[in-house]
Amino acid sequence: MQNTPLEQAVIALSKDKWVWMAERKMNMLDALFHEKSVFVHMGGSWGKEREMEIIKSGVIHYKQADIHEVSVNVIDNTAVLPNRITLLAVVGGNEVINPFMVTEVYIQQNSTWNLASLSFTKLLTPQ
């Protein structure tokens, strides 16, 4: 099944987000992350301000996300994207590679998509 142009645009935005996180493009991420966004990691959950601090400081450096599968479900002004990825990151100074199912939720306001939630679920089986 072919994705609609709207679905393709949200998938492209999701892919761009991984690059912006890797390159620490804070202005792009600040515009993308909704003020009330929630980030769920293996070590806990927090809001936009803390996630931005973590990325900027390098506490977690999202070096590269290899996306193996992505789909999108658009429901009114909400888009839900499950992504199966392998993430290469530096966490606490240690380089780690983990397989994740990442769920992203975007909301559209005034013709702009903003990330409302990003949740990492570590997969027990390798990619």
N, C-alpha and C. Protein backbone atom coordinates (compact mmCIF):
# COMPACT_ATOMS: atom_id res chain seq x y z
N MET A 1 0.84 -1.19 0.00
CA MET A 1 0.00 0.00 0.00
C MET A 1 0.88 1.25 0.00
N GLN A 2 0.56 2.16 -0.87
CA GLN A 2 1.32 3.40 -1.03
C GLN A 2 0.91 4.40 0.05
N ASN A 3 1.90 5.08 0.62
CA ASN A 3 1.60 6.14 1.59
C ASN A 3 1.08 7.37 0.87
N THR A 4 0.16 8.07 1.51
CA THR A 4 -0.35 9.33 0.97
C THR A 4 0.75 10.39 1.09
N PRO A 5 0.62 11.50 0.36
CA PRO A 5 1.60 12.58 0.51
C PRO A 5 1.72 13.07 1.96
N LEU A 6 0.61 13.14 2.67
CA LEU A 6 0.65 13.55 4.07
C LEU A 6 1.46 12.56 4.90
N GLU A 7 1.20 11.28 4.71
CA GLU A 7 1.93 10.24 5.44
C GLU A 7 3.42 10.29 5.09
N GLN A 8 3.73 10.48 3.81
CA GLN A 8 5.12 10.57 3.38
C GLN A 8 5.82 11.76 4.04
N ALA A 9 5.11 12.87 4.19
CA ALA A 9 5.69 14.07 4.81
C ALA A 9 6.01 13.82 6.29
N VAL A 10 5.14 13.12 6.99
CA VAL A 10 5.39 12.83 8.41
C VAL A 10 6.56 11.85 8.54
N ILE A 11 6.62 10.85 7.68
CA ILE A 11 7.75 9.90 7.70
C ILE A 11 9.06 10.64 7.43
N ALA A 12 9.06 11.55 6.47
CA ALA A 12 10.28 12.33 6.17
C ALA A 12 10.68 13.20 7.36
N LEU A 13 9.70 13.79 8.04
CA LEU A 13 9.99 14.61 9.23
C LEU A 13 10.61 13.74 10.32
N SER A 14 10.09 12.54 10.50
CA SER A 14 10.65 11.62 11.49
C SER A 14 12.11 11.29 11.16
N LYS A 15 12.39 11.02 9.90
CA LYS A 15 13.77 10.72 9.49
C LYS A 15 14.68 11.92 9.73
N ASP A 16 14.18 13.11 9.39
CA ASP A 16 14.97 14.33 9.63
C ASP A 16 15.27 14.49 11.10
N LYS A 17 14.29 14.17 11.96
CA LYS A 17 14.47 14.31 13.40
C LYS A 17 15.68 13.52 13.89
N TRP A 18 15.86 12.28 13.38
CA TRP A 18 17.02 11.47 13.80
C TRP A 18 18.33 12.15 13.42
N VAL A 19 18.36 12.76 12.24
CA VAL A 19 19.57 13.48 11.81
C VAL A 19 19.80 14.70 12.70
N TRP A 20 18.73 15.44 12.97
CA TRP A 20 18.87 16.63 13.82
C TRP A 20 19.33 16.26 15.22
N MET A 21 18.86 15.13 15.74
CA MET A 21 19.30 14.68 17.06
C MET A 21 20.77 14.30 17.01
N ALA A 22 21.19 13.60 15.97
CA ALA A 22 22.60 13.19 15.83
C ALA A 22 23.52 14.40 15.71
N GLU A 23 23.06 15.40 14.96
CA GLU A 23 23.88 16.59 14.71
C GLU A 23 23.65 17.70 15.72
N ARG A 24 22.80 17.41 16.72
CA ARG A 24 22.48 18.38 17.77
C ARG A 24 22.03 19.72 17.21
N LYS A 25 21.11 19.66 16.26
CA LYS A 25 20.54 20.87 15.68
C LYS A 25 19.42 21.35 16.61
N MET A 26 19.83 22.05 17.65
CA MET A 26 18.93 22.40 18.74
C MET A 26 17.78 23.31 18.28
N ASN A 27 18.04 24.22 17.35
CA ASN A 27 16.97 25.11 16.89
C ASN A 27 15.90 24.33 16.15
N MET A 28 16.29 23.32 15.37
CA MET A 28 15.33 22.50 14.64
C MET A 28 14.52 21.65 15.61
N LEU A 29 15.20 21.08 16.60
CA LEU A 29 14.52 20.24 17.59
C LEU A 29 13.59 21.07 18.46
N ASP A 30 14.02 22.27 18.81
CA ASP A 30 13.18 23.15 19.63
C ASP A 30 11.87 23.46 18.90
N ALA A 31 11.96 23.68 17.60
CA ALA A 31 10.76 23.95 16.81
C ALA A 31 9.90 22.69 16.65
N LEU A 32 10.54 21.53 16.58
CA LEU A 32 9.81 20.28 16.36
C LEU A 32 9.12 19.76 17.61
N PHE A 33 9.82 19.79 18.75
CA PHE A 33 9.28 19.23 19.98
C PHE A 33 8.19 20.13 20.55
N HIS A 34 7.01 19.58 20.76
CA HIS A 34 5.91 20.32 21.37
C HIS A 34 6.30 20.70 22.80
N GLU A 35 5.82 21.82 23.27
CA GLU A 35 6.15 22.29 24.62
C GLU A 35 5.76 21.28 25.70
N LYS A 36 4.72 20.49 25.45
CA LYS A 36 4.26 19.50 26.42
C LYS A 36 4.68 18.08 26.04
N SER A 37 5.70 17.96 25.18
CA SER A 37 6.12 16.63 24.71
C SER A 37 6.70 15.79 25.85
N VAL A 38 6.61 14.47 25.63
CA VAL A 38 7.07 13.48 26.61
C VAL A 38 8.04 12.53 25.91
N PHE A 39 9.15 12.21 26.59
CA PHE A 39 10.17 11.31 26.07
C PHE A 39 10.33 10.16 27.05
N VAL A 40 10.16 8.94 26.55
CA VAL A 40 10.25 7.75 27.39
C VAL A 40 11.46 6.94 26.95
N HIS A 41 12.41 6.79 27.87
CA HIS A 41 13.66 6.07 27.61
C HIS A 41 13.73 4.85 28.52
N MET A 42 14.78 4.06 28.35
CA MET A 42 14.96 2.90 29.23
C MET A 42 15.19 3.35 30.67
N GLY A 43 15.73 4.57 30.84
CA GLY A 43 16.05 5.05 32.18
C GLY A 43 15.02 5.96 32.81
N GLY A 44 13.88 6.17 32.16
CA GLY A 44 12.86 7.03 32.73
C GLY A 44 12.15 7.85 31.68
N SER A 45 11.34 8.80 32.13
CA SER A 45 10.63 9.67 31.19
C SER A 45 10.70 11.10 31.70
N TRP A 46 10.64 12.04 30.74
CA TRP A 46 10.74 13.45 31.07
C TRP A 46 10.18 14.27 29.91
N GLY A 47 10.21 15.57 30.09
CA GLY A 47 9.65 16.49 29.12
C GLY A 47 10.68 17.10 28.18
N LYS A 48 10.21 18.06 27.42
CA LYS A 48 11.02 18.69 26.37
C LYS A 48 12.29 19.32 26.92
N GLU A 49 12.17 20.09 27.98
CA GLU A 49 13.33 20.83 28.50
C GLU A 49 14.48 19.89 28.85
N ARG A 50 14.18 18.81 29.54
CA ARG A 50 15.24 17.87 29.93
C ARG A 50 15.80 17.15 28.72
N GLU A 51 14.94 16.75 27.78
CA GLU A 51 15.43 16.07 26.58
C GLU A 51 16.36 16.99 25.80
N MET A 52 16.01 18.25 25.69
CA MET A 52 16.87 19.21 24.99
C MET A 52 18.22 19.36 25.70
N GLU A 53 18.20 19.42 27.03
CA GLU A 53 19.45 19.51 27.80
C GLU A 53 20.32 18.27 27.58
N ILE A 54 19.68 17.10 27.58
CA ILE A 54 20.40 15.84 27.40
C ILE A 54 21.08 15.80 26.03
N ILE A 55 20.36 16.21 24.99
CA ILE A 55 20.93 16.21 23.65
C ILE A 55 22.04 17.24 23.54
N LYS A 56 21.79 18.45 24.01
CA LYS A 56 22.78 19.53 23.91
C LYS A 56 24.07 19.19 24.65
N SER A 57 23.94 18.62 25.85
CA SER A 57 25.12 18.32 26.68
C SER A 57 25.86 17.07 26.23
N GLY A 58 25.18 16.22 25.46
CA GLY A 58 25.81 14.98 25.03
C GLY A 58 25.68 13.85 26.04
N VAL A 59 24.86 14.02 27.08
CA VAL A 59 24.62 12.93 28.03
C VAL A 59 24.16 11.70 27.25
N ILE A 60 23.27 11.93 26.28
CA ILE A 60 22.95 10.92 25.28
C ILE A 60 23.25 11.55 23.93
N HIS A 61 24.15 10.92 23.17
CA HIS A 61 24.41 11.39 21.81
C HIS A 61 23.84 10.34 20.86
N TYR A 62 22.77 10.73 20.19
CA TYR A 62 22.14 9.85 19.21
C TYR A 62 22.99 9.90 17.94
N LYS A 63 23.96 9.01 17.83
CA LYS A 63 24.90 9.09 16.71
C LYS A 63 24.27 8.67 15.38
N GLN A 64 23.54 7.55 15.39
CA GLN A 64 22.96 7.09 14.14
C GLN A 64 21.79 6.16 14.41
N ALA A 65 20.70 6.43 13.73
CA ALA A 65 19.52 5.56 13.81
C ALA A 65 19.35 4.90 12.44
N ASP A 66 19.53 3.58 12.41
CA ASP A 66 19.25 2.83 11.19
C ASP A 66 17.80 2.38 11.26
N ILE A 67 17.00 2.90 10.35
CA ILE A 67 15.57 2.61 10.34
C ILE A 67 15.32 1.40 9.46
N HIS A 68 14.76 0.35 10.06
CA HIS A 68 14.48 -0.88 9.32
C HIS A 68 13.05 -0.93 8.82
N GLU A 69 12.12 -0.42 9.60
CA GLU A 69 10.71 -0.39 9.23
C GLU A 69 10.09 0.86 9.83
N VAL A 70 9.20 1.47 9.09
CA VAL A 70 8.43 2.59 9.62
C VAL A 70 7.05 2.54 8.97
N SER A 71 6.06 2.81 9.77
CA SER A 71 4.70 2.94 9.26
C SER A 71 4.08 4.16 9.92
N VAL A 72 2.96 4.59 9.40
CA VAL A 72 2.30 5.78 9.97
C VAL A 72 0.79 5.58 9.90
N ASN A 73 0.14 5.99 10.97
CA ASN A 73 -1.31 6.02 11.04
C ASN A 73 -1.72 7.45 11.38
N VAL A 74 -2.42 8.09 10.46
CA VAL A 74 -2.89 9.45 10.70
C VAL A 74 -4.36 9.38 11.12
N ILE A 75 -4.63 9.96 12.28
CA ILE A 75 -5.98 10.01 12.83
C ILE A 75 -6.29 11.48 13.11
N ASP A 76 -7.11 12.07 12.27
CA ASP A 76 -7.42 13.50 12.37
C ASP A 76 -6.13 14.32 12.34
N ASN A 77 -5.79 15.01 13.43
CA ASN A 77 -4.58 15.84 13.46
C ASN A 77 -3.44 15.17 14.22
N THR A 78 -3.50 13.84 14.33
CA THR A 78 -2.48 13.07 15.06
C THR A 78 -1.89 12.01 14.14
N ALA A 79 -0.57 11.85 14.20
CA ALA A 79 0.11 10.81 13.44
C ALA A 79 0.91 9.95 14.41
N VAL A 80 0.75 8.64 14.31
CA VAL A 80 1.46 7.69 15.15
C VAL A 80 2.39 6.89 14.24
N LEU A 81 3.69 6.91 14.59
CA LEU A 81 4.69 6.23 13.79
C LEU A 81 5.44 5.20 14.62
N PRO A 82 5.20 3.92 14.43
CA PRO A 82 6.08 2.90 15.01
C PRO A 82 7.28 2.72 14.07
N ASN A 83 8.47 2.76 14.64
CA ASN A 83 9.71 2.58 13.88
C ASN A 83 10.51 1.45 14.50
N ARG A 84 10.99 0.52 13.69
CA ARG A 84 11.93 -0.49 14.19
C ARG A 84 13.31 -0.02 13.75
N ILE A 85 14.16 0.27 14.73
CA ILE A 85 15.47 0.86 14.44
C ILE A 85 16.58 0.12 15.19
N THR A 86 17.78 0.34 14.72
CA THR A 86 18.98 0.03 15.49
C THR A 86 19.61 1.38 15.79
N LEU A 87 19.80 1.68 17.06
CA LEU A 87 20.33 2.97 17.47
C LEU A 87 21.75 2.83 17.97
N LEU A 88 22.65 3.57 17.35
CA LEU A 88 24.02 3.72 17.83
C LEU A 88 24.04 5.03 18.61
N ALA A 89 24.38 4.92 19.89
CA ALA A 89 24.37 6.10 20.75
C ALA A 89 25.56 6.06 21.70
N VAL A 90 25.89 7.21 22.23
CA VAL A 90 26.87 7.29 23.30
C VAL A 90 26.08 7.71 24.54
N VAL A 91 26.10 6.85 25.54
CA VAL A 91 25.36 7.09 26.78
C VAL A 91 26.36 7.03 27.93
N GLY A 92 26.49 8.15 28.64
CA GLY A 92 27.43 8.19 29.76
C GLY A 92 28.86 7.88 29.35
N GLY A 93 29.23 8.29 28.13
CA GLY A 93 30.58 8.07 27.64
C GLY A 93 30.82 6.72 26.99
N ASN A 94 29.83 5.84 27.02
CA ASN A 94 29.98 4.50 26.43
C ASN A 94 29.15 4.39 25.16
N GLU A 95 29.78 3.89 24.09
CA GLU A 95 29.05 3.67 22.86
C GLU A 95 28.24 2.38 22.97
N VAL A 96 26.95 2.47 22.65
CA VAL A 96 26.05 1.31 22.74
C VAL A 96 25.22 1.21 21.47
N ILE A 97 24.88 -0.02 21.13
CA ILE A 97 23.99 -0.28 20.00
C ILE A 97 22.83 -1.09 20.54
N ASN A 98 21.61 -0.60 20.29
CA ASN A 98 20.42 -1.28 20.79
C ASN A 98 19.35 -1.35 19.71
N PRO A 99 18.64 -2.49 19.65
CA PRO A 99 17.47 -2.57 18.79
C PRO A 99 16.26 -2.02 19.55
N PHE A 100 15.53 -1.12 18.91
CA PHE A 100 14.37 -0.51 19.55
C PHE A 100 13.16 -0.53 18.62
N MET A 101 12.00 -0.58 19.23
CA MET A 101 10.77 -0.16 18.58
C MET A 101 10.51 1.22 19.17
N VAL A 102 10.49 2.21 18.33
CA VAL A 102 10.29 3.59 18.78
C VAL A 102 8.91 4.02 18.30
N THR A 103 8.12 4.52 19.23
CA THR A 103 6.81 5.04 18.88
C THR A 103 6.86 6.56 18.97
N GLU A 104 6.54 7.19 17.85
CA GLU A 104 6.50 8.65 17.79
C GLU A 104 5.06 9.08 17.59
N VAL A 105 4.66 10.12 18.30
CA VAL A 105 3.33 10.69 18.12
C VAL A 105 3.52 12.16 17.76
N TYR A 106 2.93 12.53 16.64
CA TYR A 106 2.98 13.92 16.17
C TYR A 106 1.56 14.48 16.17
N ILE A 107 1.46 15.77 16.47
CA ILE A 107 0.17 16.45 16.35
C ILE A 107 0.35 17.62 15.38
N GLN A 108 -0.70 17.87 14.63
CA GLN A 108 -0.65 18.97 13.67
C GLN A 108 -1.46 20.14 14.21
N GLN A 109 -0.78 21.29 14.31
CA GLN A 109 -1.42 22.52 14.75
C GLN A 109 -1.01 23.63 13.79
N ASN A 110 -1.97 24.35 13.26
CA ASN A 110 -1.67 25.44 12.33
C ASN A 110 -0.77 24.99 11.18
N SER A 111 -1.09 23.84 10.59
CA SER A 111 -0.37 23.28 9.44
C SER A 111 1.05 22.81 9.76
N THR A 112 1.42 22.76 11.03
CA THR A 112 2.76 22.34 11.44
C THR A 112 2.66 21.08 12.29
N TRP A 113 3.52 20.11 11.99
CA TRP A 113 3.58 18.88 12.78
C TRP A 113 4.58 19.07 13.91
N ASN A 114 4.18 18.73 15.13
CA ASN A 114 5.07 18.78 16.29
C ASN A 114 5.10 17.42 16.96
N LEU A 115 6.29 17.05 17.43
CA LEU A 115 6.46 15.79 18.14
C LEU A 115 5.87 15.93 19.54
N ALA A 116 4.91 15.07 19.86
CA ALA A 116 4.26 15.11 21.17
C ALA A 116 4.82 14.04 22.09
N SER A 117 5.27 12.91 21.52
CA SER A 117 5.78 11.81 22.34
C SER A 117 6.78 10.99 21.54
N LEU A 118 7.83 10.57 22.22
CA LEU A 118 8.85 9.69 21.65
C LEU A 118 9.16 8.65 22.71
N SER A 119 8.84 7.38 22.40
CA SER A 119 9.01 6.30 23.38
C SER A 119 9.88 5.20 22.80
N PHE A 120 10.90 4.82 23.56
CA PHE A 120 11.80 3.73 23.17
C PHE A 120 11.41 2.46 23.90
N THR A 121 11.24 1.37 23.16
CA THR A 121 11.04 0.05 23.75
C THR A 121 12.15 -0.83 23.21
N LYS A 122 13.02 -1.30 24.11
CA LYS A 122 14.13 -2.14 23.68
C LYS A 122 13.59 -3.51 23.27
N LEU A 123 14.02 -3.95 22.10
CA LEU A 123 13.61 -5.26 21.60
C LEU A 123 14.53 -6.34 22.16
N LEU A 124 13.96 -7.49 22.46
CA LEU A 124 14.74 -8.59 23.03
C LEU A 124 15.44 -9.42 21.96
N THR A 125 15.00 -9.26 20.72
CA THR A 125 15.63 -10.01 19.63
C THR A 125 16.47 -9.04 18.81
N PRO A 126 17.60 -9.50 18.29
CA PRO A 126 18.44 -8.60 17.47
C PRO A 126 17.73 -8.25 16.17
N GLN A 127 18.18 -7.17 15.57
CA GLN A 127 17.62 -6.73 14.30
C GLN A 127 18.00 -7.73 13.27
